[in-house]
Amino acid sequence: MRILVYGAGAVGGFIGGILTAVGADVTLVARGAQYEALANKGLILEGPKSGRPDPVRVRVCRPGEEKPPYHLIVVGLKSHQIAGAAKHMVSLLAKDGMILLGQNGLPYWYFEKLDSPLRGSRLTSVDPDGILARTIPIDAVIGGVMNKPADLVEPGRIRLADQATDRLVIGELDNRITPRLASIKAVIEPAGWPVVVTDNIRATKWRKLLSNAVFNPLGAVTQSSARQIADFEPTRRVARLMMDEVMAAAASVGIKPEMTADQMMDDVRKRVGILSSTLQDVRFGRELELDALVNAVIDVGRLTGVATPYLEVASACAGLLNRRIIEDGVALAPAVIRKA
């Protein structure tokens, strides 16, 4: 199987690195400083279990330098970055090739191939112009949920946190268990990342969203990790109310997440203190991934009549922060004034 990891950031770099280390036929697509670091020095994976003692010499190229066809394209871009690359990625697919979309949040395809009165409805926050729906062949799409805390510390160096929940969950959009899911599991799992095949990828999406929709925007605004938010009583109360709204939105489309809000809060308080991807983006001055994480849940609520006032407040505050980052061209990070 020829594999292309399109977007070799923190998680994409991790996937490409571990696959390379076990001899898989994998190419990473990167640009700028990340490309230069990977091409010249290799990839450094730091982690107590999933790290590597030496730099991994990955095969890397810039966008447009790929050598298709590829049987599997693992998309490592953030959800709001996919539309700009969709047409190019599709052109790289082999016949009957697969595109694994494991971005956080609710995907543009959520209501496709679904036995529901809402089938064909569009989440305008994640595909406002319908570009993704028109461009990416729906039969090529594999849904995914990527559980692996990773931090791109600097170009070419990724810090990994090893947790019991680390896994890649994959599923078909129509919930069938198919041979192609088994083929993905067979190539990725031997690299050291457990792969779970599910017959309900949407429920798994909502489980992770129960955390992401809450702690990512709150973390961006408060400059805090999820555990810090959960350990502070006032923000814990706000987070709990936001979780209730996520649970209600999920229930309105027939989903009961695999974890309750109380269980999620307990889980968060046991986590390592790694920063969310959204807070990392704030500190690097990158556009924030809010639409799929928060606004898509609000979209679902509007479609089904579920009120989401706390999510809307969090989205508004994080959204204004995002505008400042984009329009002012700034990165926002704490300035150390004393030693902790």
Protein backbone atom coordinates (compact mmCIF):
# COMPACT_ATOMS: atom_id res chain seq x y z
CA MET A 1 0.00 0.00 0.00
CA ARG A 2 1.40 3.39 -1.03
CA ILE A 3 0.53 5.95 1.63
CA LEU A 4 0.64 9.75 1.52
CA VAL A 5 0.41 11.81 4.69
CA TYR A 6 -0.80 15.17 3.45
CA GLY A 7 0.06 17.64 6.19
CA ALA A 8 2.97 16.58 8.37
CA GLY A 9 2.30 18.64 11.47
CA ALA A 10 2.15 17.17 14.96
CA VAL A 11 -0.16 14.18 14.42
CA GLY A 12 0.56 13.83 10.69
CA GLY A 13 4.27 13.83 11.42
CA PHE A 14 3.77 11.20 14.11
CA ILE A 15 1.90 8.94 11.69
CA GLY A 16 4.47 9.37 8.95
CA GLY A 17 7.34 8.84 11.37
CA ILE A 18 6.12 5.60 12.91
CA LEU A 19 5.14 4.17 9.52
CA THR A 20 8.55 5.02 8.11
CA ALA A 21 10.25 3.39 11.09
CA VAL A 22 8.62 0.03 10.29
CA GLY A 23 9.37 0.20 6.58
CA ALA A 24 5.98 1.22 5.18
CA ASP A 25 5.84 2.92 1.78
CA VAL A 26 4.92 6.36 3.05
CA THR A 27 5.57 9.92 1.87
CA LEU A 28 4.96 13.04 3.94
CA VAL A 29 3.86 16.35 2.45
CA ALA A 30 5.12 19.44 4.25
CA ARG A 31 6.09 23.01 3.45
CA GLY A 32 8.23 25.82 4.76
CA ALA A 33 10.37 25.27 7.83
CA GLN A 34 8.80 21.89 8.51
CA TYR A 35 9.78 20.62 5.07
CA GLU A 36 13.33 21.92 5.45
CA ALA A 37 13.75 20.28 8.84
CA LEU A 38 12.36 16.92 7.73
CA ALA A 39 14.34 16.89 4.50
CA ASN A 40 17.66 17.89 6.05
CA LYS A 41 17.59 16.49 9.59
CA GLY A 42 14.82 13.93 9.74
CA LEU A 43 11.96 13.71 12.21
CA ILE A 44 12.51 13.69 15.96
CA LEU A 45 9.79 11.91 17.95
CA GLU A 46 10.03 12.48 21.69
CA GLY A 47 7.95 10.34 24.04
CA PRO A 48 8.42 7.79 26.82
CA LYS A 49 6.97 4.92 24.77
CA SER A 50 6.11 6.12 21.27
CA GLY A 51 9.26 8.22 20.81
CA ARG A 52 12.33 7.14 18.86
CA PRO A 53 15.95 7.37 20.08
CA ASP A 54 17.24 8.66 16.74
CA PRO A 55 15.83 10.98 14.07
CA VAL A 56 13.64 9.15 11.55
CA ARG A 57 14.72 9.80 7.98
CA VAL A 58 11.33 10.23 6.37
CA ARG A 59 10.54 10.61 2.68
CA VAL A 60 9.16 14.13 2.38
CA CYS A 61 8.10 16.41 -0.45
CA ARG A 62 6.44 19.76 -0.99
CA PRO A 63 2.87 20.05 -2.31
CA GLY A 64 3.00 19.41 -6.05
CA GLU A 65 6.07 17.17 -5.84
CA GLU A 66 4.20 13.97 -4.97
CA LYS A 67 4.54 10.86 -7.13
CA PRO A 68 1.04 9.39 -7.43
CA PRO A 69 -0.93 7.25 -7.37
CA TYR A 70 -1.47 6.61 -3.65
CA HIS A 71 -3.77 3.95 -2.24
CA LEU A 72 -4.30 5.78 1.05
CA ILE A 73 -4.08 9.50 1.72
CA VAL A 74 -4.05 10.35 5.41
CA VAL A 75 -5.07 14.00 5.68
CA GLY A 76 -3.11 15.72 8.44
CA LEU A 77 -4.48 19.20 7.73
CA LYS A 78 -6.83 21.03 10.06
CA SER A 79 -10.47 20.94 8.94
CA HIS A 80 -10.47 24.54 7.69
CA GLN A 81 -7.41 23.86 5.52
CA ILE A 82 -8.82 20.93 3.56
CA ALA A 83 -10.90 22.85 0.99
CA GLY A 84 -7.85 24.60 -0.43
CA ALA A 85 -6.06 21.29 -1.02
CA ALA A 86 -9.01 19.00 -1.82
CA LYS A 87 -8.82 19.08 -5.62
CA HIS A 88 -5.07 18.42 -5.59
CA MET A 89 -5.35 15.56 -3.09
CA VAL A 90 -8.08 13.85 -5.11
CA SER A 91 -5.85 14.00 -8.19
CA LEU A 92 -3.24 11.93 -6.32
CA LEU A 93 -5.56 9.01 -5.51
CA ALA A 94 -5.19 5.59 -7.07
CA LYS A 95 -8.30 4.00 -8.55
CA ASP A 96 -10.45 2.93 -5.59
CA GLY A 97 -8.05 4.81 -3.31
CA MET A 98 -9.04 5.97 0.17
CA ILE A 99 -8.89 9.35 1.91
CA LEU A 100 -8.73 9.07 5.69
CA LEU A 101 -10.20 12.17 7.32
CA GLY A 102 -9.49 12.08 11.04
CA GLN A 103 -9.80 15.76 11.90
CA ASN A 104 -11.21 16.76 15.26
CA GLY A 105 -14.82 17.87 15.40
CA LEU A 106 -17.78 17.17 13.16
CA PRO A 107 -16.95 16.58 9.47
CA TYR A 108 -18.62 17.99 6.38
CA TRP A 109 -19.81 14.46 5.49
CA TYR A 110 -21.67 13.94 8.77
CA PHE A 111 -25.14 13.62 7.19
CA GLU A 112 -24.01 11.62 4.13
CA LYS A 113 -24.80 7.89 3.80
CA LEU A 114 -26.88 8.21 6.94
CA ASP A 115 -30.28 6.62 7.58
CA SER A 116 -31.85 9.80 8.91
CA PRO A 117 -34.38 12.47 7.92
CA LEU A 118 -31.40 14.85 8.00
CA ARG A 119 -29.53 12.91 5.31
CA GLY A 120 -28.01 15.37 2.86
CA SER A 121 -28.11 18.30 5.32
CA ARG A 122 -25.02 20.47 5.24
CA LEU A 123 -23.04 21.77 8.20
CA THR A 124 -22.43 25.25 6.84
CA SER A 125 -19.71 26.00 9.34
CA VAL A 126 -17.40 23.28 7.99
CA ASP A 127 -18.30 23.37 4.27
CA PRO A 128 -19.92 26.77 3.71
CA ASP A 129 -19.61 26.72 -0.09
CA GLY A 130 -20.05 22.99 -0.58
CA ILE A 131 -16.53 22.68 -2.00
CA LEU A 132 -15.64 19.57 -0.03
CA ALA A 133 -18.88 17.79 -0.88
CA ARG A 134 -18.42 18.54 -4.59
CA THR A 135 -14.70 17.76 -4.76
CA ILE A 136 -13.96 14.69 -2.64
CA PRO A 137 -15.58 11.45 -3.89
CA ILE A 138 -17.77 10.37 -1.01
CA ASP A 139 -17.03 6.69 -1.64
CA ALA A 140 -13.30 7.36 -1.10
CA VAL A 141 -13.80 8.80 2.38
CA ILE A 142 -12.94 6.87 5.53
CA GLY A 143 -13.96 8.52 8.79
CA GLY A 144 -11.42 8.62 11.56
CA VAL A 145 -10.78 9.75 15.11
CA MET A 146 -7.13 10.25 16.05
CA ASN A 147 -6.31 9.96 19.73
CA LYS A 148 -2.67 10.91 20.22
CA PRO A 149 -1.62 14.03 22.15
CA ALA A 150 1.21 15.57 20.14
CA ASP A 151 2.95 18.92 20.18
CA LEU A 152 5.03 20.31 17.31
CA VAL A 153 7.67 21.90 19.55
CA GLU A 154 9.70 23.20 16.62
CA PRO A 155 10.10 22.25 12.96
CA GLY A 156 11.04 18.59 12.77
CA ARG A 157 10.53 17.88 16.50
CA ILE A 158 7.33 16.42 17.90
CA ARG A 159 6.70 15.83 21.59
CA LEU A 160 4.33 12.94 22.29
CA ALA A 161 2.31 12.08 25.38
CA ASP A 162 1.61 8.39 25.86
CA GLN A 163 -1.81 7.60 27.30
CA ALA A 164 -3.97 4.51 27.65
CA THR A 165 -6.51 6.05 25.27
CA ASP A 166 -4.03 6.40 22.38
CA ARG A 167 -5.63 4.89 19.29
CA LEU A 168 -6.84 5.49 15.76
CA VAL A 169 -10.52 4.71 15.26
CA ILE A 170 -11.72 4.21 11.68
CA GLY A 171 -15.13 3.59 10.16
CA GLU A 172 -17.16 3.66 6.98
CA LEU A 173 -19.70 6.46 6.57
CA ASP A 174 -22.50 3.90 6.19
CA ASN A 175 -21.27 1.98 9.26
CA ARG A 176 -20.37 -1.21 7.36
CA ILE A 177 -17.33 -3.23 8.40
CA THR A 178 -15.36 -3.61 5.17
CA PRO A 179 -12.11 -5.22 4.00
CA ARG A 180 -10.56 -1.85 3.30
CA LEU A 181 -10.86 -0.92 6.97
CA ALA A 182 -8.98 -4.12 7.79
CA SER A 183 -6.29 -3.15 5.26
CA ILE A 184 -5.71 0.20 6.99
CA LYS A 185 -5.52 -1.51 10.38
CA ALA A 186 -3.04 -4.04 9.01
CA VAL A 187 -0.60 -1.37 7.84
CA ILE A 188 -0.85 1.14 10.72
CA GLU A 189 -1.20 -0.99 13.84
CA PRO A 190 2.18 -2.76 13.47
CA ALA A 191 3.80 0.69 13.64
CA GLY A 192 2.75 0.95 17.28
CA TRP A 193 -0.55 2.85 17.14
CA PRO A 194 -3.59 0.72 18.05
CA VAL A 195 -6.32 0.80 15.40
CA VAL A 196 -9.98 0.19 16.25
CA VAL A 197 -12.50 -0.55 13.51
CA THR A 198 -15.97 0.70 14.42
CA ASP A 199 -19.47 0.37 13.02
CA ASN A 200 -20.43 3.80 14.39
CA ILE A 201 -17.74 6.37 13.63
CA ARG A 202 -20.11 9.23 14.40
CA ALA A 203 -20.54 8.15 18.02
CA THR A 204 -16.76 8.08 18.39
CA LYS A 205 -16.58 11.57 16.88
CA TRP A 206 -19.02 12.86 19.49
CA ARG A 207 -17.10 11.24 22.33
CA LYS A 208 -13.95 13.16 21.45
CA LEU A 209 -15.99 16.26 20.71
CA LEU A 210 -17.32 16.17 24.26
CA SER A 211 -13.82 17.29 25.22
CA ASN A 212 -12.71 19.27 22.15
CA ALA A 213 -15.81 21.45 21.82
CA VAL A 214 -15.36 22.54 25.42
CA PHE A 215 -11.69 22.62 26.36
CA ASN A 216 -10.26 23.81 23.04
CA PRO A 217 -12.08 27.17 22.92
CA LEU A 218 -11.87 27.65 26.70
CA GLY A 219 -8.18 26.77 26.63
CA ALA A 220 -7.50 29.25 23.84
CA VAL A 221 -9.19 32.10 25.68
CA THR A 222 -7.78 31.29 29.13
CA GLN A 223 -4.32 30.12 27.98
CA SER A 224 -4.85 26.94 29.99
CA SER A 225 -4.70 23.20 29.53
CA ALA A 226 -7.84 21.09 29.84
CA ARG A 227 -6.68 19.80 33.20
CA GLN A 228 -6.13 23.35 34.50
CA ILE A 229 -9.64 24.30 33.38
CA ALA A 230 -11.13 21.22 35.05
CA ASP A 231 -9.21 21.81 38.28
CA PHE A 232 -10.49 25.40 38.69
CA GLU A 233 -14.01 25.32 40.09
CA PRO A 234 -15.48 28.34 38.19
CA THR A 235 -14.25 27.14 34.78
CA ARG A 236 -15.14 23.55 35.64
CA ARG A 237 -18.76 24.67 36.11
CA VAL A 238 -18.76 26.44 32.74
CA ALA A 239 -17.15 23.45 31.06
CA ARG A 240 -19.77 21.14 32.55
CA LEU A 241 -22.60 23.31 31.20
CA MET A 242 -20.98 23.29 27.75
CA MET A 243 -20.72 19.50 27.92
CA ASP A 244 -24.43 19.28 28.66
CA GLU A 245 -25.11 21.20 25.45
CA VAL A 246 -22.84 18.90 23.43
CA MET A 247 -24.62 15.86 24.87
CA ALA A 248 -28.01 17.35 24.00
CA ALA A 249 -26.94 18.12 20.43
CA ALA A 250 -25.62 14.57 20.03
CA ALA A 251 -28.85 13.11 21.38
CA SER A 252 -30.85 15.20 18.92
CA VAL A 253 -29.23 13.29 16.03
CA GLY A 254 -29.61 9.91 17.71
CA ILE A 255 -26.16 9.61 19.28
CA LYS A 256 -25.39 8.70 22.86
CA PRO A 257 -21.66 9.34 23.28
CA GLU A 258 -19.65 6.45 24.68
CA MET A 259 -18.68 8.56 27.70
CA THR A 260 -20.83 10.69 30.01
CA ALA A 261 -20.01 14.31 30.82
CA ASP A 262 -19.02 13.36 34.38
CA GLN A 263 -16.73 10.60 33.11
CA MET A 264 -15.13 12.99 30.65
CA MET A 265 -14.50 15.56 33.38
CA ASP A 266 -12.88 12.90 35.57
CA ASP A 267 -10.78 11.72 32.63
CA VAL A 268 -9.60 15.26 31.87
CA ARG A 269 -8.41 15.75 35.45
CA LYS A 270 -6.16 12.68 35.08
CA ARG A 271 -4.59 13.77 31.78
CA VAL A 272 -1.10 15.00 31.19
CA GLY A 273 -0.98 18.77 30.97
CA ILE A 274 -0.26 18.97 27.23
CA LEU A 275 -1.82 21.99 25.52
CA SER A 276 -4.72 21.55 23.10
CA SER A 277 -4.06 21.99 19.39
CA THR A 278 -6.13 25.18 19.49
CA LEU A 279 -4.01 26.73 22.24
CA GLN A 280 -0.87 25.68 20.39
CA ASP A 281 -2.23 27.53 17.34
CA VAL A 282 -2.82 30.66 19.44
CA ARG A 283 0.79 30.60 20.60
CA PHE A 284 2.13 30.08 17.08
CA GLY A 285 -0.19 32.67 15.52
CA ARG A 286 -2.12 30.19 13.36
CA GLU A 287 -5.77 30.31 12.36
CA LEU A 288 -7.89 28.47 14.91
CA GLU A 289 -9.89 25.33 14.14
CA LEU A 290 -13.18 26.50 15.65
CA ASP A 291 -15.76 25.69 13.00
CA ALA A 292 -15.53 21.90 13.18
CA LEU A 293 -14.96 21.85 16.94
CA VAL A 294 -17.60 24.27 18.19
CA ASN A 295 -19.62 25.91 15.44
CA ALA A 296 -20.61 22.59 13.88
CA VAL A 297 -22.22 21.57 17.18
CA ILE A 298 -24.10 24.87 17.18
CA ASP A 299 -25.17 24.09 13.58
CA VAL A 300 -26.56 20.73 14.69
CA GLY A 301 -28.46 22.46 17.49
CA ARG A 302 -30.01 24.89 15.02
CA LEU A 303 -31.03 22.03 12.73
CA THR A 304 -32.66 20.08 15.56
CA GLY A 305 -33.88 22.82 17.90
CA VAL A 306 -31.30 22.36 20.69
CA ALA A 307 -30.21 25.53 22.49
CA THR A 308 -26.43 26.02 22.85
CA PRO A 309 -25.93 29.38 24.65
CA TYR A 310 -22.72 28.47 26.50
CA LEU A 311 -21.10 27.04 23.39
CA GLU A 312 -22.07 30.19 21.50
CA VAL A 313 -20.42 32.42 24.11
CA ALA A 314 -17.22 30.37 24.01
CA SER A 315 -17.27 30.39 20.21
CA ALA A 316 -17.75 34.16 20.12
CA CYS A 317 -14.82 34.83 22.47
CA ALA A 318 -12.48 32.37 20.77
CA GLY A 319 -13.68 33.65 17.39
CA LEU A 320 -12.70 37.21 18.21
CA LEU A 321 -9.31 35.96 19.39
CA ASN A 322 -8.98 34.16 16.06
CA ARG A 323 -9.77 37.38 14.20
CA ARG A 324 -7.06 39.23 16.08
CA ILE A 325 -4.55 36.51 15.17
CA ILE A 326 -5.52 36.60 11.49
CA GLU A 327 -6.02 40.33 10.99
CA ASP A 328 -3.23 41.57 13.24
CA GLY A 329 -0.80 38.83 12.27
CA VAL A 330 0.15 38.08 15.86
CA ALA A 331 0.98 35.08 18.01
CA LEU A 332 -0.19 35.30 21.59
CA ALA A 333 1.88 33.59 24.24
CA PRO A 334 2.52 34.30 27.94
CA ALA A 335 5.48 36.52 28.76
CA VAL A 336 7.42 35.14 31.72
CA ILE A 337 7.68 37.75 34.46
CA ARG A 338 8.76 35.43 37.26
CA LYS A 339 9.76 31.85 37.73
CA ALA A 340 6.90 29.46 38.46
